[in-house]
Amino acid sequence: MLPALLIYRTYNNCTCDDDLISSVPLYTLMIPIVTNYYIKHTNRNRQDSINILVQIKATGEEGASNYAEMLAKQWA
């Protein structure tokens, strides 16, 4: 709604200063919301990748093949 209002005001004979002033509160509100979403998303992905690594078997024949596969992925 707000971006559409800004576009409408831009083409409705308003000055650029009016649009700039009205967009500052919009960015002030959006920065914390976007930052919180990004942090939650990044932490969730990080936790998922850690959980996957913890579930991989590390002993025996299967552990050796997992280790070799991880090394091959690192060096590829």
PDB file of N, CA and C in Angstrom:
ATOM      1  N   MET A   1       0.816  -1.188   0.000  1.00  0.00           N
ATOM      2  CA  MET A   1       0.000   0.000   0.000  1.00  0.00           C
ATOM      3  C   MET A   1       0.864   1.259   0.000  1.00  0.00           C
ATOM      4  N   LEU A   2       1.845   1.306   0.899  1.00  0.00           N
ATOM      5  CA  LEU A   2       2.679   2.509   0.981  1.00  0.00           C
ATOM      6  C   LEU A   2       3.518   2.735  -0.268  1.00  0.00           C
ATOM      7  N   PRO A   3       4.183   1.700  -0.822  1.00  0.00           N
ATOM      8  CA  PRO A   3       4.948   1.977  -2.055  1.00  0.00           C
ATOM      9  C   PRO A   3       4.057   2.467  -3.188  1.00  0.00           C
ATOM     10  N   ALA A   4       2.841   1.917  -3.279  1.00  0.00           N
ATOM     11  CA  ALA A   4       1.928   2.374  -4.327  1.00  0.00           C
ATOM     12  C   ALA A   4       1.554   3.829  -4.095  1.00  0.00           C
ATOM     13  N   LEU A   5       1.383   4.209  -2.826  1.00  0.00           N
ATOM     14  CA  LEU A   5       1.073   5.593  -2.500  1.00  0.00           C
ATOM     15  C   LEU A   5       2.231   6.507  -2.885  1.00  0.00           C
ATOM     16  N   LEU A   6       3.459   6.054  -2.641  1.00  0.00           N
ATOM     17  CA  LEU A   6       4.623   6.861  -3.015  1.00  0.00           C
ATOM     18  C   LEU A   6       4.715   7.049  -4.524  1.00  0.00           C
ATOM     19  N   ILE A   7       4.450   5.985  -5.277  1.00  0.00           N
ATOM     20  CA  ILE A   7       4.493   6.086  -6.741  1.00  0.00           C
ATOM     21  C   ILE A   7       3.393   7.030  -7.222  1.00  0.00           C
ATOM     22  N   TYR A   8       2.201   6.900  -6.640  1.00  0.00           N
ATOM     23  CA  TYR A   8       1.096   7.777  -7.027  1.00  0.00           C
ATOM     24  C   TYR A   8       1.443   9.235  -6.736  1.00  0.00           C
ATOM     25  N   ARG A   9       2.028   9.488  -5.583  1.00  0.00           N
ATOM     26  CA  ARG A   9       2.371  10.864  -5.230  1.00  0.00           C
ATOM     27  C   ARG A   9       3.471  11.411  -6.136  1.00  0.00           C
ATOM     28  N   THR A  10       4.377  10.559  -6.588  1.00  0.00           N
ATOM     29  CA  THR A  10       5.464  11.010  -7.450  1.00  0.00           C
ATOM     30  C   THR A  10       4.914  11.560  -8.763  1.00  0.00           C
ATOM     31  N   TYR A  11       3.927  10.889  -9.311  1.00  0.00           N
ATOM     32  CA  TYR A  11       3.371  11.321 -10.592  1.00  0.00           C
ATOM     33  C   TYR A  11       2.180  12.244 -10.425  1.00  0.00           C
ATOM     34  N   ASN A  12       1.952  12.708  -9.212  1.00  0.00           N
ATOM     35  CA  ASN A  12       0.821  13.596  -8.964  1.00  0.00           C
ATOM     36  C   ASN A  12       1.310  14.998  -8.617  1.00  0.00           C
ATOM     37  N   ASN A  13       2.329  15.474  -9.315  1.00  0.00           N
ATOM     38  CA  ASN A  13       2.895  16.816  -9.166  1.00  0.00           C
ATOM     39  C   ASN A  13       3.404  17.110  -7.758  1.00  0.00           C
ATOM     40  N   CYS A  14       3.981  16.138  -7.086  1.00  0.00           N
ATOM     41  CA  CYS A  14       4.623  16.367  -5.797  1.00  0.00           C
ATOM     42  C   CYS A  14       6.120  16.496  -6.035  1.00  0.00           C
ATOM     43  N   THR A  15       6.784  17.136  -5.130  1.00  0.00           N
ATOM     44  CA  THR A  15       8.228  17.273  -5.272  1.00  0.00           C
ATOM     45  C   THR A  15       8.918  16.010  -4.769  1.00  0.00           C
ATOM     46  N   CYS A  16      10.142  15.852  -5.156  1.00  0.00           N
ATOM     47  CA  CYS A  16      10.920  14.699  -4.723  1.00  0.00           C
ATOM     48  C   CYS A  16      11.179  14.747  -3.224  1.00  0.00           C
ATOM     49  N   ASP A  17      11.258  15.940  -2.649  1.00  0.00           N
ATOM     50  CA  ASP A  17      11.493  16.061  -1.213  1.00  0.00           C
ATOM     51  C   ASP A  17      10.364  15.432  -0.413  1.00  0.00           C
ATOM     52  N   ASP A  18       9.133  15.601  -0.851  1.00  0.00           N
ATOM     53  CA  ASP A  18       7.994  14.998  -0.156  1.00  0.00           C
ATOM     54  C   ASP A  18       8.091  13.480  -0.174  1.00  0.00           C
ATOM     55  N   ASP A  19       8.464  12.919  -1.293  1.00  0.00           N
ATOM     56  CA  ASP A  19       8.578  11.464  -1.399  1.00  0.00           C
ATOM     57  C   ASP A  19       9.718  10.942  -0.543  1.00  0.00           C
ATOM     58  N   LEU A  20      10.819  11.660  -0.526  1.00  0.00           N
ATOM     59  CA  LEU A  20      11.962  11.238   0.280  1.00  0.00           C
ATOM     60  C   LEU A  20      11.614  11.269   1.759  1.00  0.00           C
ATOM     61  N   ILE A  21      10.935  12.298   2.192  1.00  0.00           N
ATOM     62  CA  ILE A  21      10.543  12.413   3.593  1.00  0.00           C
ATOM     63  C   ILE A  21       9.569  11.303   3.964  1.00  0.00           C
ATOM     64  N   SER A  22       8.645  10.952   3.096  1.00  0.00           N
ATOM     65  CA  SER A  22       7.671   9.917   3.428  1.00  0.00           C
ATOM     66  C   SER A  22       8.256   8.517   3.321  1.00  0.00           C
ATOM     67  N   SER A  23       9.365   8.349   2.623  1.00  0.00           N
ATOM     68  CA  SER A  23       9.956   7.013   2.513  1.00  0.00           C
ATOM     69  C   SER A  23      10.891   6.689   3.672  1.00  0.00           C
ATOM     70  N   VAL A  24      11.389   7.692   4.385  1.00  0.00           N
ATOM     71  CA  VAL A  24      12.299   7.443   5.507  1.00  0.00           C
ATOM     72  C   VAL A  24      11.632   6.616   6.594  1.00  0.00           C
ATOM     73  N   PRO A  25      10.407   6.940   7.052  1.00  0.00           N
ATOM     74  CA  PRO A  25       9.777   6.088   8.065  1.00  0.00           C
ATOM     75  C   PRO A  25       9.529   4.665   7.571  1.00  0.00           C
ATOM     76  N   LEU A  26       9.258   4.518   6.278  1.00  0.00           N
ATOM     77  CA  LEU A  26       9.044   3.186   5.728  1.00  0.00           C
ATOM     78  C   LEU A  26      10.301   2.337   5.875  1.00  0.00           C
ATOM     79  N   TYR A  27      11.449   2.884   5.518  1.00  0.00           N
ATOM     80  CA  TYR A  27      12.700   2.136   5.654  1.00  0.00           C
ATOM     81  C   TYR A  27      13.061   1.926   7.122  1.00  0.00           C
ATOM     82  N   THR A  28      12.739   2.888   7.960  1.00  0.00           N
ATOM     83  CA  THR A  28      13.018   2.751   9.393  1.00  0.00           C
ATOM     84  C   THR A  28      12.227   1.592   9.985  1.00  0.00           C
ATOM     85  N   LEU A  29      11.025   1.387   9.527  1.00  0.00           N
ATOM     86  CA  LEU A  29      10.216   0.257  10.007  1.00  0.00           C
ATOM     87  C   LEU A  29      10.643  -1.058   9.375  1.00  0.00           C
ATOM     88  N   MET A  30      11.072  -1.026   8.133  1.00  0.00           N
ATOM     89  CA  MET A  30      11.389  -2.266   7.419  1.00  0.00           C
ATOM     90  C   MET A  30      12.719  -2.881   7.831  1.00  0.00           C
ATOM     91  N   ILE A  31      13.694  -2.090   8.201  1.00  0.00           N
ATOM     92  CA  ILE A  31      15.026  -2.618   8.518  1.00  0.00           C
ATOM     93  C   ILE A  31      14.975  -3.631   9.662  1.00  0.00           C
ATOM     94  N   PRO A  32      14.331  -3.347  10.810  1.00  0.00           N
ATOM     95  CA  PRO A  32      14.293  -4.367  11.873  1.00  0.00           C
ATOM     96  C   PRO A  32      13.501  -5.615  11.485  1.00  0.00           C
ATOM     97  N   ILE A  33      12.437  -5.437  10.717  1.00  0.00           N
ATOM     98  CA  ILE A  33      11.627  -6.591  10.303  1.00  0.00           C
ATOM     99  C   ILE A  33      12.436  -7.500   9.388  1.00  0.00           C
ATOM    100  N   VAL A  34      13.092  -6.935   8.406  1.00  0.00           N
ATOM    101  CA  VAL A  34      13.900  -7.724   7.463  1.00  0.00           C
ATOM    102  C   VAL A  34      15.089  -8.359   8.188  1.00  0.00           C
ATOM    103  N   THR A  35      15.704  -7.623   9.099  1.00  0.00           N
ATOM    104  CA  THR A  35      16.844  -8.152   9.842  1.00  0.00           C
ATOM    105  C   THR A  35      16.432  -9.338  10.704  1.00  0.00           C
ATOM    106  N   ASN A  36      15.316  -9.228  11.399  1.00  0.00           N
ATOM    107  CA  ASN A  36      14.838 -10.346  12.222  1.00  0.00           C
ATOM    108  C   ASN A  36      14.523 -11.567  11.374  1.00  0.00           C
ATOM    109  N   TYR A  37      13.876 -11.370  10.228  1.00  0.00           N
ATOM    110  CA  TYR A  37      13.577 -12.492   9.339  1.00  0.00           C
ATOM    111  C   TYR A  37      14.865 -13.153   8.864  1.00  0.00           C
ATOM    112  N   TYR A  38      15.847 -12.362   8.463  1.00  0.00           N
ATOM    113  CA  TYR A  38      17.111 -12.901   7.960  1.00  0.00           C
ATOM    114  C   TYR A  38      17.845 -13.696   9.041  1.00  0.00           C
ATOM    115  N   ILE A  39      17.880 -13.169  10.253  1.00  0.00           N
ATOM    116  CA  ILE A  39      18.577 -13.864  11.346  1.00  0.00           C
ATOM    117  C   ILE A  39      17.885 -15.178  11.672  1.00  0.00           C
ATOM    118  N   LYS A  40      16.556 -15.177  11.764  1.00  0.00           N
ATOM    119  CA  LYS A  40      15.825 -16.415  12.055  1.00  0.00           C
ATOM    120  C   LYS A  40      16.030 -17.442  10.954  1.00  0.00           C
ATOM    121  N   HIS A  41      15.966 -16.997   9.704  1.00  0.00           N
ATOM    122  CA  HIS A  41      16.145 -17.897   8.563  1.00  0.00           C
ATOM    123  C   HIS A  41      17.563 -18.490   8.550  1.00  0.00           C
ATOM    124  N   THR A  42      18.562 -17.654   8.796  1.00  0.00           N
ATOM    125  CA  THR A  42      19.948 -18.112   8.802  1.00  0.00           C
ATOM    126  C   THR A  42      20.203 -19.087   9.944  1.00  0.00           C
ATOM    127  N   ASN A  43      19.685 -18.782  11.123  1.00  0.00           N
ATOM    128  CA  ASN A  43      19.862 -19.687  12.266  1.00  0.00           C
ATOM    129  C   ASN A  43      19.174 -21.025  12.038  1.00  0.00           C
ATOM    130  N   ARG A  44      17.990 -20.999  11.432  1.00  0.00           N
ATOM    131  CA  ARG A  44      17.275 -22.245  11.151  1.00  0.00           C
ATOM    132  C   ARG A  44      18.067 -23.104  10.166  1.00  0.00           C
ATOM    133  N   ASN A  45      18.585 -22.495   9.108  1.00  0.00           N
ATOM    134  CA  ASN A  45      19.377 -23.248   8.127  1.00  0.00           C
ATOM    135  C   ASN A  45      20.649 -23.797   8.764  1.00  0.00           C
ATOM    136  N   ARG A  46      21.286 -23.011   9.600  1.00  0.00           N
ATOM    137  CA  ARG A  46      22.511 -23.446  10.273  1.00  0.00           C
ATOM    138  C   ARG A  46      22.225 -24.623  11.198  1.00  0.00           C
ATOM    139  N   GLN A  47      21.145 -24.531  11.970  1.00  0.00           N
ATOM    140  CA  GLN A  47      20.786 -25.613  12.886  1.00  0.00           C
ATOM    141  C   GLN A  47      20.431 -26.887  12.115  1.00  0.00           C
ATOM    142  N   ASP A  48      19.723 -26.747  11.005  1.00  0.00           N
ATOM    143  CA  ASP A  48      19.390 -27.914  10.187  1.00  0.00           C
ATOM    144  C   ASP A  48      20.647 -28.592   9.652  1.00  0.00           C
ATOM    145  N   SER A  49      21.607 -27.809   9.182  1.00  0.00           N
ATOM    146  CA  SER A  49      22.829 -28.414   8.642  1.00  0.00           C
ATOM    147  C   SER A  49      23.650 -29.074   9.751  1.00  0.00           C
ATOM    148  N   ILE A  50      23.637 -28.500  10.940  1.00  0.00           N
ATOM    149  CA  ILE A  50      24.344 -29.128  12.068  1.00  0.00           C
ATOM    150  C   ILE A  50      23.668 -30.445  12.433  1.00  0.00           C
ATOM    151  N   ASN A  51      22.338 -30.452  12.477  1.00  0.00           N
ATOM    152  CA  ASN A  51      21.619 -31.681  12.815  1.00  0.00           C
ATOM    153  C   ASN A  51      21.881 -32.786  11.797  1.00  0.00           C
ATOM    154  N   ILE A  52      21.979 -32.427  10.539  1.00  0.00           N
ATOM    155  CA  ILE A  52      22.274 -33.426   9.505  1.00  0.00           C
ATOM    156  C   ILE A  52      23.671 -34.000   9.706  1.00  0.00           C
ATOM    157  N   LEU A  53      24.639 -33.138  10.014  1.00  0.00           N
ATOM    158  CA  LEU A  53      26.006 -33.621  10.224  1.00  0.00           C
ATOM    159  C   LEU A  53      26.106 -34.499  11.468  1.00  0.00           C
ATOM    160  N   VAL A  54      25.366 -34.173  12.502  1.00  0.00           N
ATOM    161  CA  VAL A  54      25.419 -34.961  13.740  1.00  0.00           C
ATOM    162  C   VAL A  54      24.833 -36.355  13.513  1.00  0.00           C
ATOM    163  N   GLN A  55      23.862 -36.484  12.641  1.00  0.00           N
ATOM    164  CA  GLN A  55      23.209 -37.766  12.401  1.00  0.00           C
ATOM    165  C   GLN A  55      24.033 -38.706  11.525  1.00  0.00           C
ATOM    166  N   ILE A  56      25.087 -38.214  10.899  1.00  0.00           N
ATOM    167  CA  ILE A  56      25.912 -39.059  10.032  1.00  0.00           C
ATOM    168  C   ILE A  56      26.743 -39.996  10.893  1.00  0.00           C
ATOM    169  N   LYS A  57      26.757 -41.243  10.509  1.00  0.00           N
ATOM    170  CA  LYS A  57      27.517 -42.248  11.247  1.00  0.00           C
ATOM    171  C   LYS A  57      29.015 -41.991  11.082  1.00  0.00           C
ATOM    172  N   ALA A  58      29.762 -42.115  12.199  1.00  0.00           N
ATOM    173  CA  ALA A  58      31.180 -41.771  12.167  1.00  0.00           C
ATOM    174  C   ALA A  58      32.097 -42.951  12.475  1.00  0.00           C
ATOM    175  N   THR A  59      31.563 -44.125  12.706  1.00  0.00           N
ATOM    176  CA  THR A  59      32.407 -45.277  13.034  1.00  0.00           C
ATOM    177  C   THR A  59      32.170 -46.404  12.043  1.00  0.00           C
ATOM    178  N   GLY A  60      33.123 -47.273  11.971  1.00  0.00           N
ATOM    179  CA  GLY A  60      33.002 -48.445  11.113  1.00  0.00           C
ATOM    180  C   GLY A  60      33.206 -48.132   9.648  1.00  0.00           C
ATOM    181  N   GLU A  61      32.771 -49.087   8.837  1.00  0.00           N
ATOM    182  CA  GLU A  61      32.936 -48.965   7.389  1.00  0.00           C
ATOM    183  C   GLU A  61      32.118 -47.791   6.829  1.00  0.00           C
ATOM    184  N   GLU A  62      30.909 -47.654   7.338  1.00  0.00           N
ATOM    185  CA  GLU A  62      30.052 -46.564   6.876  1.00  0.00           C
ATOM    186  C   GLU A  62      30.642 -45.205   7.275  1.00  0.00           C
ATOM    187  N   GLY A  63      31.223 -45.115   8.454  1.00  0.00           N
ATOM    188  CA  GLY A  63      31.861 -43.878   8.898  1.00  0.00           C
ATOM    189  C   GLY A  63      33.051 -43.521   8.025  1.00  0.00           C
ATOM    190  N   ALA A  64      33.833 -44.532   7.640  1.00  0.00           N
ATOM    191  CA  ALA A  64      34.991 -44.285   6.775  1.00  0.00           C
ATOM    192  C   ALA A  64      34.550 -43.778   5.397  1.00  0.00           C
ATOM    193  N   SER A  65      33.497 -44.377   4.856  1.00  0.00           N
ATOM    194  CA  SER A  65      33.021 -43.921   3.549  1.00  0.00           C
ATOM    195  C   SER A  65      32.420 -42.508   3.656  1.00  0.00           C
ATOM    196  N   ASN A  66      31.737 -42.201   4.768  1.00  0.00           N
ATOM    197  CA  ASN A  66      31.219 -40.845   4.973  1.00  0.00           C
ATOM    198  C   ASN A  66      32.361 -39.839   5.055  1.00  0.00           C
ATOM    199  N   TYR A  67      33.433 -40.206   5.765  1.00  0.00           N
ATOM    200  CA  TYR A  67      34.595 -39.328   5.908  1.00  0.00           C
ATOM    201  C   TYR A  67      35.244 -39.070   4.544  1.00  0.00           C
ATOM    202  N   ALA A  68      35.410 -40.118   3.772  1.00  0.00           N
ATOM    203  CA  ALA A  68      36.017 -39.971   2.449  1.00  0.00           C
ATOM    204  C   ALA A  68      35.135 -39.106   1.542  1.00  0.00           C
ATOM    205  N   GLU A  69      33.833 -39.287   1.646  1.00  0.00           N
ATOM    206  CA  GLU A  69      32.907 -38.493   0.836  1.00  0.00           C
ATOM    207  C   GLU A  69      32.971 -37.012   1.221  1.00  0.00           C
ATOM    208  N   MET A  70      33.047 -36.728   2.520  1.00  0.00           N
ATOM    209  CA  MET A  70      33.148 -35.334   2.984  1.00  0.00           C
ATOM    210  C   MET A  70      34.451 -34.695   2.496  1.00  0.00           C
ATOM    211  N   LEU A  71      35.556 -35.445   2.567  1.00  0.00           N
ATOM    212  CA  LEU A  71      36.833 -34.908   2.084  1.00  0.00           C
ATOM    213  C   LEU A  71      36.774 -34.617   0.588  1.00  0.00           C
ATOM    214  N   ALA A  72      36.148 -35.524  -0.164  1.00  0.00           N
ATOM    215  CA  ALA A  72      36.043 -35.327  -1.603  1.00  0.00           C
ATOM    216  C   ALA A  72      35.210 -34.079  -1.917  1.00  0.00           C
ATOM    217  N   LYS A  73      34.133 -33.833  -1.139  1.00  0.00           N
ATOM    218  CA  LYS A  73      33.312 -32.644  -1.355  1.00  0.00           C
ATOM    219  C   LYS A  73      34.088 -31.375  -1.024  1.00  0.00           C
ATOM    220  N   GLN A  74      34.913 -31.422   0.032  1.00  0.00           N
ATOM    221  CA  GLN A  74      35.684 -30.253   0.398  1.00  0.00           C
ATOM    222  C   GLN A  74      36.686 -29.878  -0.671  1.00  0.00           C
ATOM    223  N   TRP A  75      37.330 -30.859  -1.271  1.00  0.00           N
ATOM    224  CA  TRP A  75      38.379 -30.600  -2.238  1.00  0.00           C
ATOM    225  C   TRP A  75      37.872 -30.460  -3.665  1.00  0.00           C
ATOM    226  N   ALA A  76      36.604 -30.694  -3.875  1.00  0.00           N
ATOM    227  CA  ALA A  76      36.044 -30.594  -5.243  1.00  0.00           C
ATOM    228  C   ALA A  76      35.806 -29.166  -5.645  1.00  0.00           C
TER     229      ALA A  76
END
